[in-house]
PDB file of N, CA and C in Angstrom:
ATOM      1  N   MET A   1     -20.772  14.353  23.513  1.00  0.00           N
ATOM      2  CA  MET A   1     -21.185  12.526  24.182  1.00  0.00           C
ATOM      3  C   MET A   1     -20.813  11.709  22.466  1.00  0.00           C
ATOM      4  N   LYS A   2     -19.746  10.780  23.305  1.00  0.00           N
ATOM      5  CA  LYS A   2     -19.759   9.695  22.415  1.00  0.00           C
ATOM      6  C   LYS A   2     -20.685   8.166  22.743  1.00  0.00           C
ATOM      7  N   THR A   3     -20.801   7.737  21.757  1.00  0.00           N
ATOM      8  CA  THR A   3     -21.277   5.968  21.945  1.00  0.00           C
ATOM      9  C   THR A   3     -20.261   5.200  22.462  1.00  0.00           C
ATOM     10  N   SER A   4     -20.941   4.454  23.072  1.00  0.00           N
ATOM     11  CA  SER A   4     -20.325   3.516  23.550  1.00  0.00           C
ATOM     12  C   SER A   4     -20.511   2.176  22.783  1.00  0.00           C
ATOM     13  N   VAL A   5     -19.299   1.619  22.633  1.00  0.00           N
ATOM     14  CA  VAL A   5     -18.855   0.425  21.447  1.00  0.00           C
ATOM     15  C   VAL A   5     -19.541  -1.278  22.666  1.00  0.00           C
ATOM     16  N   PRO A   6     -20.311  -1.566  21.945  1.00  0.00           N
ATOM     17  CA  PRO A   6     -20.623  -2.653  22.811  1.00  0.00           C
ATOM     18  C   PRO A   6     -20.107  -3.572  22.946  1.00  0.00           C
ATOM     19  N   ASN A   7     -19.826  -4.573  24.350  1.00  0.00           N
ATOM     20  CA  ASN A   7     -19.013  -5.382  23.975  1.00  0.00           C
ATOM     21  C   ASN A   7     -19.652  -6.619  24.018  1.00  0.00           C
ATOM     22  N   ARG A   8     -19.049  -7.476  23.448  1.00  0.00           N
ATOM     23  CA  ARG A   8     -19.634  -8.730  22.828  1.00  0.00           C
ATOM     24  C   ARG A   8     -19.603  -9.512  23.882  1.00  0.00           C
ATOM     25  N   GLU A   9     -19.071 -10.066  24.606  1.00  0.00           N
ATOM     26  CA  GLU A   9     -19.109 -10.974  25.981  1.00  0.00           C
ATOM     27  C   GLU A   9     -20.155 -10.722  26.690  1.00  0.00           C
ATOM     28  N   ASN A  10     -20.794  -9.307  26.896  1.00  0.00           N
ATOM     29  CA  ASN A  10     -21.687  -9.522  27.706  1.00  0.00           C
ATOM     30  C   ASN A  10     -23.047  -9.076  27.016  1.00  0.00           C
ATOM     31  N   GLU A  11     -22.859  -9.145  25.712  1.00  0.00           N
ATOM     32  CA  GLU A  11     -24.212  -9.536  24.865  1.00  0.00           C
ATOM     33  C   GLU A  11     -24.315 -10.677  25.278  1.00  0.00           C
ATOM     34  N   LEU A  12     -23.275 -11.725  25.308  1.00  0.00           N
ATOM     35  CA  LEU A  12     -23.885 -13.576  24.866  1.00  0.00           C
ATOM     36  C   LEU A  12     -24.154 -13.820  26.463  1.00  0.00           C
ATOM     37  N   LYS A  13     -23.654 -13.001  27.488  1.00  0.00           N
ATOM     38  CA  LYS A  13     -23.835 -13.632  28.736  1.00  0.00           C
ATOM     39  C   LYS A  13     -25.549 -12.893  29.329  1.00  0.00           C
ATOM     40  N   GLY A  14     -25.829 -12.028  28.521  1.00  0.00           N
ATOM     41  CA  GLY A  14     -27.210 -11.601  28.709  1.00  0.00           C
ATOM     42  C   GLY A  14     -28.070 -12.520  28.488  1.00  0.00           C
ATOM     43  N   SER A  15     -29.969 -12.093  29.060  1.00  0.00           N
ATOM     44  CA  SER A  15     -30.586 -12.717  28.722  1.00  0.00           C
ATOM     45  C   SER A  15     -31.298 -12.945  27.200  1.00  0.00           C
ATOM     46  N   PRO A  16     -31.869 -14.187  26.312  1.00  0.00           N
ATOM     47  CA  PRO A  16     -32.309 -14.062  25.068  1.00  0.00           C
ATOM     48  C   PRO A  16     -33.323 -12.804  25.422  1.00  0.00           C
ATOM     49  N   PRO A  17     -33.936 -12.041  23.863  1.00  0.00           N
ATOM     50  CA  PRO A  17     -34.783 -10.847  23.748  1.00  0.00           C
ATOM     51  C   PRO A  17     -36.492 -12.293  24.179  1.00  0.00           C
ATOM     52  N   SER A  18     -37.428 -11.067  24.794  1.00  0.00           N
ATOM     53  CA  SER A  18     -38.128 -12.232  24.833  1.00  0.00           C
ATOM     54  C   SER A  18     -39.481 -12.270  23.695  1.00  0.00           C
ATOM     55  N   GLU A  19     -40.206 -12.787  24.019  1.00  0.00           N
ATOM     56  CA  GLU A  19     -40.935 -13.476  22.473  1.00  0.00           C
ATOM     57  C   GLU A  19     -41.842 -12.477  22.477  1.00  0.00           C
ATOM     58  N   VAL A  20     -42.279 -11.724  21.559  1.00  0.00           N
ATOM     59  CA  VAL A  20     -43.336 -10.566  21.261  1.00  0.00           C
ATOM     60  C   VAL A  20     -44.640 -11.077  20.800  1.00  0.00           C
ATOM     61  N   LEU A  21     -46.185 -10.521  22.041  1.00  0.00           N
ATOM     62  CA  LEU A  21     -46.877 -10.746  21.858  1.00  0.00           C
ATOM     63  C   LEU A  21     -47.570  -9.902  20.466  1.00  0.00           C
ATOM     64  N   ASN A  22     -48.567 -10.580  19.695  1.00  0.00           N
ATOM     65  CA  ASN A  22     -49.104  -9.670  18.675  1.00  0.00           C
ATOM     66  C   ASN A  22     -50.850  -9.843  19.662  1.00  0.00           C
ATOM     67  N   TYR A  23     -51.842  -8.927  19.830  1.00  0.00           N
ATOM     68  CA  TYR A  23     -52.844  -9.188  19.450  1.00  0.00           C
ATOM     69  C   TYR A  23     -54.142  -7.515  19.473  1.00  0.00           C
ATOM     70  N   LYS A  24     -55.294  -8.296  19.236  1.00  0.00           N
ATOM     71  CA  LYS A  24     -56.253  -7.140  18.679  1.00  0.00           C
ATOM     72  C   LYS A  24     -57.248  -7.189  19.898  1.00  0.00           C
ATOM     73  N   LEU A  25     -57.345  -5.828  20.255  1.00  0.00           N
ATOM     74  CA  LEU A  25     -58.625  -5.302  20.734  1.00  0.00           C
ATOM     75  C   LEU A  25     -59.713  -5.699  20.698  1.00  0.00           C
ATOM     76  N   SER A  26     -60.374  -6.258  21.145  1.00  0.00           N
ATOM     77  CA  SER A  26     -62.092  -6.586  20.874  1.00  0.00           C
ATOM     78  C   SER A  26     -62.694  -4.922  20.862  1.00  0.00           C
ATOM     79  N   PRO A  27     -64.041  -4.612  20.297  1.00  0.00           N
ATOM     80  CA  PRO A  27     -64.714  -3.467  20.072  1.00  0.00           C
ATOM     81  C   PRO A  27     -64.699  -2.764  21.219  1.00  0.00           C
ATOM     82  N   ASP A  28     -64.977  -3.725  22.149  1.00  0.00           N
ATOM     83  CA  ASP A  28     -65.369  -3.217  24.378  1.00  0.00           C
ATOM     84  C   ASP A  28     -64.230  -2.606  24.608  1.00  0.00           C
ATOM     85  N   GLU A  29     -63.053  -3.570  24.155  1.00  0.00           N
ATOM     86  CA  GLU A  29     -61.709  -3.303  25.251  1.00  0.00           C
ATOM     87  C   GLU A  29     -61.334  -2.046  24.247  1.00  0.00           C
ATOM     88  N   LEU A  30     -61.717  -1.319  22.689  1.00  0.00           N
ATOM     89  CA  LEU A  30     -61.447  -0.276  22.201  1.00  0.00           C
ATOM     90  C   LEU A  30     -62.341   0.334  23.173  1.00  0.00           C
ATOM     91  N   ALA A  31     -63.612   0.565  23.442  1.00  0.00           N
ATOM     92  CA  ALA A  31     -64.375   1.272  23.440  1.00  0.00           C
ATOM     93  C   ALA A  31     -63.795   2.024  24.630  1.00  0.00           C
ATOM     94  N   GLN A  32     -63.385   0.950  25.526  1.00  0.00           N
ATOM     95  CA  GLN A  32     -62.748   1.383  26.962  1.00  0.00           C
ATOM     96  C   GLN A  32     -62.068   2.309  26.861  1.00  0.00           C
ATOM     97  N   ILE A  33     -61.083   2.781  25.848  1.00  0.00           N
ATOM     98  CA  ILE A  33     -59.559   3.069  26.281  1.00  0.00           C
ATOM     99  C   ILE A  33     -59.872   4.791  25.089  1.00  0.00           C
ATOM    100  N   VAL A  34     -60.896   4.304  23.885  1.00  0.00           N
ATOM    101  CA  VAL A  34     -60.898   6.147  23.194  1.00  0.00           C
ATOM    102  C   VAL A  34     -61.734   6.566  23.978  1.00  0.00           C
ATOM    103  N   GLY A  35     -60.973   8.311  23.701  1.00  0.00           N
ATOM    104  CA  GLY A  35     -61.111   9.610  24.269  1.00  0.00           C
ATOM    105  C   GLY A  35     -61.281   9.980  26.132  1.00  0.00           C
ATOM    106  N   LYS A  36     -60.149   8.656  26.660  1.00  0.00           N
ATOM    107  CA  LYS A  36     -59.856   8.791  28.071  1.00  0.00           C
ATOM    108  C   LYS A  36     -58.875   9.655  27.775  1.00  0.00           C
ATOM    109  N   PRO A  37     -58.537  10.207  28.617  1.00  0.00           N
ATOM    110  CA  PRO A  37     -57.464  10.982  28.829  1.00  0.00           C
ATOM    111  C   PRO A  37     -56.547  10.273  29.395  1.00  0.00           C
ATOM    112  N   ILE A  38     -55.023  10.819  28.624  1.00  0.00           N
ATOM    113  CA  ILE A  38     -53.660   9.989  28.534  1.00  0.00           C
ATOM    114  C   ILE A  38     -53.388  10.141  30.409  1.00  0.00           C
ATOM    115  N   PRO A  39     -52.654   9.179  30.627  1.00  0.00           N
ATOM    116  CA  PRO A  39     -52.646   9.185  32.607  1.00  0.00           C
ATOM    117  C   PRO A  39     -51.189  10.192  32.420  1.00  0.00           C
ATOM    118  N   ALA A  40     -50.621  10.814  33.689  1.00  0.00           N
ATOM    119  CA  ALA A  40     -49.917  11.439  34.487  1.00  0.00           C
ATOM    120  C   ALA A  40     -48.632  10.931  34.368  1.00  0.00           C
ATOM    121  N   SER A  41     -48.582   9.385  33.768  1.00  0.00           N
ATOM    122  CA  SER A  41     -47.312   8.777  34.131  1.00  0.00           C
ATOM    123  C   SER A  41     -46.657   8.573  32.624  1.00  0.00           C
ATOM    124  N   HIS A  42     -47.289   8.851  31.488  1.00  0.00           N
ATOM    125  CA  HIS A  42     -47.024   8.704  29.918  1.00  0.00           C
ATOM    126  C   HIS A  42     -46.039   9.850  29.851  1.00  0.00           C
ATOM    127  N   LYS A  43     -44.544   9.995  29.344  1.00  0.00           N
ATOM    128  CA  LYS A  43     -43.787  10.417  28.565  1.00  0.00           C
ATOM    129  C   LYS A  43     -43.818  10.426  27.314  1.00  0.00           C
ATOM    130  N   GLU A  44     -43.763  11.796  27.234  1.00  0.00           N
ATOM    131  CA  GLU A  44     -43.345  11.876  25.428  1.00  0.00           C
ATOM    132  C   GLU A  44     -42.316  11.845  24.822  1.00  0.00           C
ATOM    133  N   PRO A  45     -42.126  11.028  23.793  1.00  0.00           N
ATOM    134  CA  PRO A  45     -41.013  10.183  23.567  1.00  0.00           C
ATOM    135  C   PRO A  45     -39.761  11.416  23.091  1.00  0.00           C
ATOM    136  N   ILE A  46     -38.524  11.427  23.370  1.00  0.00           N
ATOM    137  CA  ILE A  46     -37.922  12.668  23.045  1.00  0.00           C
ATOM    138  C   ILE A  46     -37.770  12.524  21.072  1.00  0.00           C
ATOM    139  N   LYS A  47     -37.712  13.777  21.339  1.00  0.00           N
ATOM    140  CA  LYS A  47     -37.548  14.279  19.412  1.00  0.00           C
ATOM    141  C   LYS A  47     -36.047  14.900  19.796  1.00  0.00           C
ATOM    142  N   PHE A  48     -35.458  14.608  18.707  1.00  0.00           N
ATOM    143  CA  PHE A  48     -34.608  14.875  18.068  1.00  0.00           C
ATOM    144  C   PHE A  48     -34.218  15.884  16.979  1.00  0.00           C
ATOM    145  N   ARG A  49     -33.223  17.097  17.331  1.00  0.00           N
ATOM    146  CA  ARG A  49     -33.218  18.300  16.530  1.00  0.00           C
ATOM    147  C   ARG A  49     -32.059  17.755  15.602  1.00  0.00           C
ATOM    148  N   SER A  50     -32.676  18.314  14.113  1.00  0.00           N
ATOM    149  CA  SER A  50     -32.099  17.997  12.993  1.00  0.00           C
ATOM    150  C   SER A  50     -30.396  18.656  13.403  1.00  0.00           C
ATOM    151  N   LYS A  51     -29.468  18.408  12.729  1.00  0.00           N
ATOM    152  CA  LYS A  51     -28.407  19.360  12.326  1.00  0.00           C
ATOM    153  C   LYS A  51     -28.494  20.053  10.914  1.00  0.00           C
ATOM    154  N   ALA A  52     -28.772  19.646  10.325  1.00  0.00           N
ATOM    155  CA  ALA A  52     -29.061  20.629   9.585  1.00  0.00           C
ATOM    156  C   ALA A  52     -30.129  21.799   9.074  1.00  0.00           C
ATOM    157  N   LYS A  53     -29.965  22.371   9.154  1.00  0.00           N
ATOM    158  CA  LYS A  53     -30.823  23.965   8.867  1.00  0.00           C
ATOM    159  C   LYS A  53     -31.831  23.889   7.206  1.00  0.00           C
ATOM    160  N   GLY A  54     -32.727  24.330   7.470  1.00  0.00           N
ATOM    161  CA  GLY A  54     -33.555  24.537   6.138  1.00  0.00           C
ATOM    162  C   GLY A  54     -33.782  23.323   5.175  1.00  0.00           C
ATOM    163  N   LYS A  55     -33.395  21.959   5.590  1.00  0.00           N
ATOM    164  CA  LYS A  55     -33.549  21.274   4.641  1.00  0.00           C
ATOM    165  C   LYS A  55     -34.131  20.828   5.663  1.00  0.00           C
ATOM    166  N   GLU A  56     -35.876  20.114   4.283  1.00  0.00           N
ATOM    167  CA  GLU A  56     -36.720  19.087   5.151  1.00  0.00           C
ATOM    168  C   GLU A  56     -36.974  17.779   4.511  1.00  0.00           C
TER     169      GLU A  56
END
């Protein structure tokens, strides 16, 4: 499979990237999340295999 080459015209026509929002959870919000099971909709990140064997 080959990597596609981006088309600059398509890049310019697209919408600009959205703003990144940074925030901190309060201790109460953290307590609600910690220890809960992972939802079924969560998917594991893709793991890539290294081409070089024996090297780490």
